[in-house]
Amino acid sequence: MNRNHIAVIILIIIFAGFMELNMDRTLIYKYGPVRLWSGDINSNQNSQQIADPYTFTHIIHGFGFYALASLIPTPLSLGTRAIIAIAGESLWEVIENTDMVINRYRAATISLDYYGDSVINSVFDILAALLGFWIASRARIIWTIVLMIVIEVILLLWIRDSLVVNIIMLLYPISAIKIWQAGL
């Protein structure tokens, strides 16, 4: 990656943050100090601080975006593929923070009090996807798959959620999963 690629990536991330601010998302956690980590997914700090357990799902997004960008038939540099990946992740972060998707999370998942990400959380989720993209670009595909499975299993055991479960619950909510996630 060269300076131009990095500059474009930075501009995309800034634009995504600007879009979220225009959607009335808060810049930072509004009820206290900004923290590097918030591990309690049931607190009002979830998706508000720099990182939380869901940040790991964004690393998996980076794996997926690397794979998708690699499928584009024309030969593209790693930097150009990174730009495509970050544009995709940034688009997801903006869409994820629309009222429609936030309301869907509230209706279909255990995230009853979810009110969207802070902009700082979104920016670091995008950077987590960039980290995932970088890992996938450096590791053998088998190790990327193993790491993805490990992240999914750890999240399932830790917070009773994961990227796969999150997608299932958003697209086709299953009451048994919701009950299990609630610990009932």
C-alpha atoms as a PDB file:
ATOM      1  CA  MET A   1       0.000   0.000   0.000  1.00  0.00           C
ATOM      2  CA  ASN A   2       1.279   3.441  -0.822  1.00  0.00           C
ATOM      3  CA  ARG A   3       0.480   6.902   0.545  1.00  0.00           C
ATOM      4  CA  ASN A   4      -2.329   7.457  -1.952  1.00  0.00           C
ATOM      5  CA  HIS A   5      -4.082   4.269  -0.841  1.00  0.00           C
ATOM      6  CA  ILE A   6      -3.709   5.265   2.803  1.00  0.00           C
ATOM      7  CA  ALA A   7      -5.011   8.785   2.072  1.00  0.00           C
ATOM      8  CA  VAL A   8      -8.086   7.388   0.291  1.00  0.00           C
ATOM      9  CA  ILE A   9      -8.745   4.960   3.156  1.00  0.00           C
ATOM     10  CA  ILE A  10      -8.517   7.804   5.681  1.00  0.00           C
ATOM     11  CA  LEU A  11     -10.905   9.929   3.593  1.00  0.00           C
ATOM     12  CA  ILE A  12     -13.407   7.072   3.354  1.00  0.00           C
ATOM     13  CA  ILE A  13     -13.339   6.584   7.132  1.00  0.00           C
ATOM     14  CA  ILE A  14     -13.739  10.330   7.748  1.00  0.00           C
ATOM     15  CA  PHE A  15     -16.656  10.423   5.298  1.00  0.00           C
ATOM     16  CA  ALA A  16     -18.351   7.506   7.083  1.00  0.00           C
ATOM     17  CA  GLY A  17     -17.932   9.308  10.414  1.00  0.00           C
ATOM     18  CA  PHE A  18     -19.327  12.493   8.910  1.00  0.00           C
ATOM     19  CA  MET A  19     -22.327  10.577   7.568  1.00  0.00           C
ATOM     20  CA  GLU A  20     -23.008   9.110  11.004  1.00  0.00           C
ATOM     21  CA  LEU A  21     -22.740  12.506  12.669  1.00  0.00           C
ATOM     22  CA  ASN A  22     -25.313  13.763  10.160  1.00  0.00           C
ATOM     23  CA  MET A  23     -27.525  10.843  11.217  1.00  0.00           C
ATOM     24  CA  ASP A  24     -27.382  12.182  14.791  1.00  0.00           C
ATOM     25  CA  ARG A  25     -25.048   9.482  16.096  1.00  0.00           C
ATOM     26  CA  THR A  26     -22.980  10.667  19.028  1.00  0.00           C
ATOM     27  CA  LEU A  27     -19.287  11.282  18.485  1.00  0.00           C
ATOM     28  CA  ILE A  28     -18.299   9.613  21.757  1.00  0.00           C
ATOM     29  CA  TYR A  29     -19.972   7.928  24.710  1.00  0.00           C
ATOM     30  CA  LYS A  30     -22.248  10.610  26.089  1.00  0.00           C
ATOM     31  CA  TYR A  31     -22.591   9.405  29.705  1.00  0.00           C
ATOM     32  CA  GLY A  32     -18.981   9.328  30.808  1.00  0.00           C
ATOM     33  CA  PRO A  33     -15.353   9.099  29.797  1.00  0.00           C
ATOM     34  CA  VAL A  34     -14.141   7.499  26.595  1.00  0.00           C
ATOM     35  CA  ARG A  35     -12.599   4.122  27.303  1.00  0.00           C
ATOM     36  CA  LEU A  36     -10.498   1.813  25.186  1.00  0.00           C
ATOM     37  CA  TRP A  37     -12.652  -1.210  26.073  1.00  0.00           C
ATOM     38  CA  SER A  38     -16.177  -2.007  27.188  1.00  0.00           C
ATOM     39  CA  GLY A  39     -16.649  -5.710  27.786  1.00  0.00           C
ATOM     40  CA  ASP A  40     -20.239  -5.715  29.049  1.00  0.00           C
ATOM     41  CA  ILE A  41     -22.561  -6.071  26.067  1.00  0.00           C
ATOM     42  CA  ASN A  42     -25.552  -5.423  28.308  1.00  0.00           C
ATOM     43  CA  SER A  43     -24.389  -1.978  29.396  1.00  0.00           C
ATOM     44  CA  ASN A  44     -25.144   1.345  27.762  1.00  0.00           C
ATOM     45  CA  GLN A  45     -21.431   1.523  26.871  1.00  0.00           C
ATOM     46  CA  ASN A  46     -21.723  -1.324  24.357  1.00  0.00           C
ATOM     47  CA  SER A  47     -20.993   0.030  20.867  1.00  0.00           C
ATOM     48  CA  GLN A  48     -20.142   3.391  22.429  1.00  0.00           C
ATOM     49  CA  GLN A  49     -16.546   2.967  23.526  1.00  0.00           C
ATOM     50  CA  ILE A  50     -13.534   2.462  21.264  1.00  0.00           C
ATOM     51  CA  ALA A  51     -13.828  -1.327  21.299  1.00  0.00           C
ATOM     52  CA  ASP A  52     -16.164  -4.004  22.620  1.00  0.00           C
ATOM     53  CA  PRO A  53     -16.664  -7.740  22.001  1.00  0.00           C
ATOM     54  CA  TYR A  54     -18.381  -6.992  18.682  1.00  0.00           C
ATOM     55  CA  THR A  55     -15.160  -5.399  17.437  1.00  0.00           C
ATOM     56  CA  PHE A  56     -13.942  -8.954  16.829  1.00  0.00           C
ATOM     57  CA  THR A  57     -16.790  -9.522  14.350  1.00  0.00           C
ATOM     58  CA  HIS A  58     -15.419  -6.618  12.339  1.00  0.00           C
ATOM     59  CA  ILE A  59     -12.080  -8.402  12.073  1.00  0.00           C
ATOM     60  CA  ILE A  60     -14.037 -11.222  10.431  1.00  0.00           C
ATOM     61  CA  HIS A  61     -15.645  -8.621   8.128  1.00  0.00           C
ATOM     62  CA  GLY A  62     -12.103  -7.771   7.032  1.00  0.00           C
ATOM     63  CA  PHE A  63     -11.445 -11.440   6.207  1.00  0.00           C
ATOM     64  CA  GLY A  64     -14.606 -11.497   4.121  1.00  0.00           C
ATOM     65  CA  PHE A  65     -13.895  -8.241   2.332  1.00  0.00           C
ATOM     66  CA  TYR A  66     -10.390  -9.470   1.511  1.00  0.00           C
ATOM     67  CA  ALA A  67     -11.895 -12.624   0.001  1.00  0.00           C
ATOM     68  CA  LEU A  68     -14.492 -10.658  -1.973  1.00  0.00           C
ATOM     69  CA  ALA A  69     -11.943  -8.131  -3.262  1.00  0.00           C
ATOM     70  CA  SER A  70      -9.719 -11.021  -4.321  1.00  0.00           C
ATOM     71  CA  LEU A  71     -12.522 -12.360  -6.534  1.00  0.00           C
ATOM     72  CA  ILE A  72     -12.550  -9.256  -8.726  1.00  0.00           C
ATOM     73  CA  PRO A  73     -11.205 -10.539 -12.051  1.00  0.00           C
ATOM     74  CA  THR A  74      -8.868  -7.675 -12.949  1.00  0.00           C
ATOM     75  CA  PRO A  75      -5.498  -7.618 -11.231  1.00  0.00           C
ATOM     76  CA  LEU A  76      -5.707  -5.065  -8.450  1.00  0.00           C
ATOM     77  CA  SER A  77      -3.010  -3.985  -6.052  1.00  0.00           C
ATOM     78  CA  LEU A  78      -3.373  -4.825  -2.383  1.00  0.00           C
ATOM     79  CA  GLY A  79      -3.915  -1.113  -1.713  1.00  0.00           C
ATOM     80  CA  THR A  80      -6.788  -0.902  -4.190  1.00  0.00           C
ATOM     81  CA  ARG A  81      -8.364  -4.023  -2.700  1.00  0.00           C
ATOM     82  CA  ALA A  82      -7.972  -2.463   0.769  1.00  0.00           C
ATOM     83  CA  ILE A  83      -9.789   0.649  -0.446  1.00  0.00           C
ATOM     84  CA  ILE A  84     -12.644  -1.515  -1.764  1.00  0.00           C
ATOM     85  CA  ALA A  85     -12.781  -3.418   1.539  1.00  0.00           C
ATOM     86  CA  ILE A  86     -12.810  -0.273   3.662  1.00  0.00           C
ATOM     87  CA  ALA A  87     -15.443   1.319   1.437  1.00  0.00           C
ATOM     88  CA  GLY A  88     -17.599  -1.785   1.950  1.00  0.00           C
ATOM     89  CA  GLU A  89     -17.064  -1.835   5.708  1.00  0.00           C
ATOM     90  CA  SER A  90     -17.699   1.907   5.952  1.00  0.00           C
ATOM     91  CA  LEU A  91     -20.921   1.516   3.988  1.00  0.00           C
ATOM     92  CA  TRP A  92     -21.992  -1.232   6.387  1.00  0.00           C
ATOM     93  CA  GLU A  93     -21.224   0.970   9.413  1.00  0.00           C
ATOM     94  CA  VAL A  94     -23.377   3.766   7.993  1.00  0.00           C
ATOM     95  CA  ILE A  95     -26.229   1.373   7.140  1.00  0.00           C
ATOM     96  CA  GLU A  96     -25.929  -0.374  10.507  1.00  0.00           C
ATOM     97  CA  ASN A  97     -26.520   2.969  12.207  1.00  0.00           C
ATOM     98  CA  THR A  98     -29.694   3.874  10.345  1.00  0.00           C
ATOM     99  CA  ASP A  99     -32.880   3.934  12.385  1.00  0.00           C
ATOM    100  CA  MET A 100     -34.238   1.057  10.285  1.00  0.00           C
ATOM    101  CA  VAL A 101     -31.380  -1.306  11.165  1.00  0.00           C
ATOM    102  CA  ILE A 102     -31.184  -0.156  14.792  1.00  0.00           C
ATOM    103  CA  ASN A 103     -34.900  -0.875  15.174  1.00  0.00           C
ATOM    104  CA  ARG A 104     -34.390  -4.274  13.549  1.00  0.00           C
ATOM    105  CA  TYR A 105     -31.665  -5.090  16.096  1.00  0.00           C
ATOM    106  CA  ARG A 106     -34.048  -4.115  18.893  1.00  0.00           C
ATOM    107  CA  ALA A 107     -36.905  -6.204  17.501  1.00  0.00           C
ATOM    108  CA  ALA A 108     -35.035  -9.316  16.405  1.00  0.00           C
ATOM    109  CA  THR A 109     -32.094  -9.680  18.809  1.00  0.00           C
ATOM    110  CA  ILE A 110     -31.347  -9.388  22.508  1.00  0.00           C
ATOM    111  CA  SER A 111     -30.080  -5.841  21.892  1.00  0.00           C
ATOM    112  CA  LEU A 112     -33.204  -4.201  23.293  1.00  0.00           C
ATOM    113  CA  ASP A 113     -31.410  -1.071  24.470  1.00  0.00           C
ATOM    114  CA  TYR A 114     -29.212  -0.701  21.389  1.00  0.00           C
ATOM    115  CA  TYR A 115     -29.343   2.865  20.085  1.00  0.00           C
ATOM    116  CA  GLY A 116     -26.574   2.781  17.504  1.00  0.00           C
ATOM    117  CA  ASP A 117     -22.818   3.060  17.595  1.00  0.00           C
ATOM    118  CA  SER A 118     -20.917   6.132  18.611  1.00  0.00           C
ATOM    119  CA  VAL A 119     -18.855   7.493  15.758  1.00  0.00           C
ATOM    120  CA  ILE A 120     -15.626   6.619  17.572  1.00  0.00           C
ATOM    121  CA  ASN A 121     -16.814   3.007  17.908  1.00  0.00           C
ATOM    122  CA  SER A 122     -17.708   2.883  14.205  1.00  0.00           C
ATOM    123  CA  VAL A 123     -14.324   4.271  13.206  1.00  0.00           C
ATOM    124  CA  PHE A 124     -12.530   1.650  15.273  1.00  0.00           C
ATOM    125  CA  ASP A 125     -14.814  -1.079  13.910  1.00  0.00           C
ATOM    126  CA  ILE A 126     -13.731  -0.005  10.422  1.00  0.00           C
ATOM    127  CA  LEU A 127     -10.103  -0.114  11.559  1.00  0.00           C
ATOM    128  CA  ALA A 128     -10.734  -3.609  12.988  1.00  0.00           C
ATOM    129  CA  ALA A 129     -11.964  -4.655   9.535  1.00  0.00           C
ATOM    130  CA  LEU A 130      -8.773  -3.195   8.086  1.00  0.00           C
ATOM    131  CA  LEU A 131      -6.818  -5.315  10.571  1.00  0.00           C
ATOM    132  CA  GLY A 132      -8.788  -8.375   9.444  1.00  0.00           C
ATOM    133  CA  PHE A 133      -8.083  -7.496   5.816  1.00  0.00           C
ATOM    134  CA  TRP A 134      -4.371  -7.182   6.595  1.00  0.00           C
ATOM    135  CA  ILE A 135      -4.312 -10.515   8.474  1.00  0.00           C
ATOM    136  CA  ALA A 136      -6.086 -12.242   5.571  1.00  0.00           C
ATOM    137  CA  SER A 137      -3.615 -10.721   3.109  1.00  0.00           C
ATOM    138  CA  ARG A 138      -0.674 -12.110   5.084  1.00  0.00           C
ATOM    139  CA  ALA A 139      -1.937 -15.464   6.351  1.00  0.00           C
ATOM    140  CA  ARG A 140      -2.650 -18.643   4.508  1.00  0.00           C
ATOM    141  CA  ILE A 141      -6.339 -19.067   3.844  1.00  0.00           C
ATOM    142  CA  ILE A 142      -6.534 -22.044   6.211  1.00  0.00           C
ATOM    143  CA  TRP A 143      -5.205 -19.928   9.113  1.00  0.00           C
ATOM    144  CA  THR A 144      -7.654 -17.146   8.325  1.00  0.00           C
ATOM    145  CA  ILE A 145     -10.495 -19.677   8.405  1.00  0.00           C
ATOM    146  CA  VAL A 146      -9.206 -21.181  11.657  1.00  0.00           C
ATOM    147  CA  LEU A 147      -8.947 -17.714  13.216  1.00  0.00           C
ATOM    148  CA  MET A 148     -12.484 -16.888  12.075  1.00  0.00           C
ATOM    149  CA  ILE A 149     -13.813 -20.086  13.660  1.00  0.00           C
ATOM    150  CA  VAL A 150     -11.884 -19.422  16.881  1.00  0.00           C
ATOM    151  CA  ILE A 151     -13.297 -15.873  17.093  1.00  0.00           C
ATOM    152  CA  GLU A 152     -16.833 -17.155  16.462  1.00  0.00           C
ATOM    153  CA  VAL A 153     -16.556 -19.882  19.124  1.00  0.00           C
ATOM    154  CA  ILE A 154     -15.016 -17.551  21.716  1.00  0.00           C
ATOM    155  CA  LEU A 155     -17.771 -14.978  21.129  1.00  0.00           C
ATOM    156  CA  LEU A 156     -20.470 -17.658  21.395  1.00  0.00           C
ATOM    157  CA  LEU A 157     -19.068 -18.846  24.718  1.00  0.00           C
ATOM    158  CA  TRP A 158     -18.334 -15.338  26.007  1.00  0.00           C
ATOM    159  CA  ILE A 159     -21.288 -13.177  24.943  1.00  0.00           C
ATOM    160  CA  ARG A 160     -23.694 -15.730  23.410  1.00  0.00           C
ATOM    161  CA  ASP A 161     -23.437 -13.944  20.094  1.00  0.00           C
ATOM    162  CA  SER A 162     -21.198 -13.949  17.044  1.00  0.00           C
ATOM    163  CA  LEU A 163     -21.171 -12.698  13.485  1.00  0.00           C
ATOM    164  CA  VAL A 164     -23.011 -15.777  12.209  1.00  0.00           C
ATOM    165  CA  VAL A 165     -25.631 -15.651  14.972  1.00  0.00           C
ATOM    166  CA  ASN A 166     -26.024 -11.912  14.472  1.00  0.00           C
ATOM    167  CA  ILE A 167     -26.717 -12.389  10.760  1.00  0.00           C
ATOM    168  CA  ILE A 168     -29.181 -15.199  11.430  1.00  0.00           C
ATOM    169  CA  MET A 169     -31.050 -13.137  14.007  1.00  0.00           C
ATOM    170  CA  LEU A 170     -31.240 -10.091  11.758  1.00  0.00           C
ATOM    171  CA  LEU A 171     -32.450 -12.017   8.714  1.00  0.00           C
ATOM    172  CA  TYR A 172     -34.503 -14.806  10.255  1.00  0.00           C
ATOM    173  CA  PRO A 173     -34.920 -14.469  14.026  1.00  0.00           C
ATOM    174  CA  ILE A 174     -35.170 -17.760  15.879  1.00  0.00           C
ATOM    175  CA  SER A 175     -36.848 -17.567  19.277  1.00  0.00           C
ATOM    176  CA  ALA A 176     -34.760 -20.420  20.716  1.00  0.00           C
ATOM    177  CA  ILE A 177     -31.565 -18.482  19.941  1.00  0.00           C
ATOM    178  CA  LYS A 178     -32.986 -15.324  21.494  1.00  0.00           C
ATOM    179  CA  ILE A 179     -33.925 -17.256  24.662  1.00  0.00           C
ATOM    180  CA  TRP A 180     -30.451 -18.828  24.805  1.00  0.00           C
ATOM    181  CA  GLN A 181     -28.810 -15.416  24.315  1.00  0.00           C
ATOM    182  CA  ALA A 182     -30.859 -14.006  27.182  1.00  0.00           C
ATOM    183  CA  GLY A 183     -29.553 -16.807  29.406  1.00  0.00           C
ATOM    184  CA  LEU A 184     -33.008 -18.175  30.131  1.00  0.00           C
END
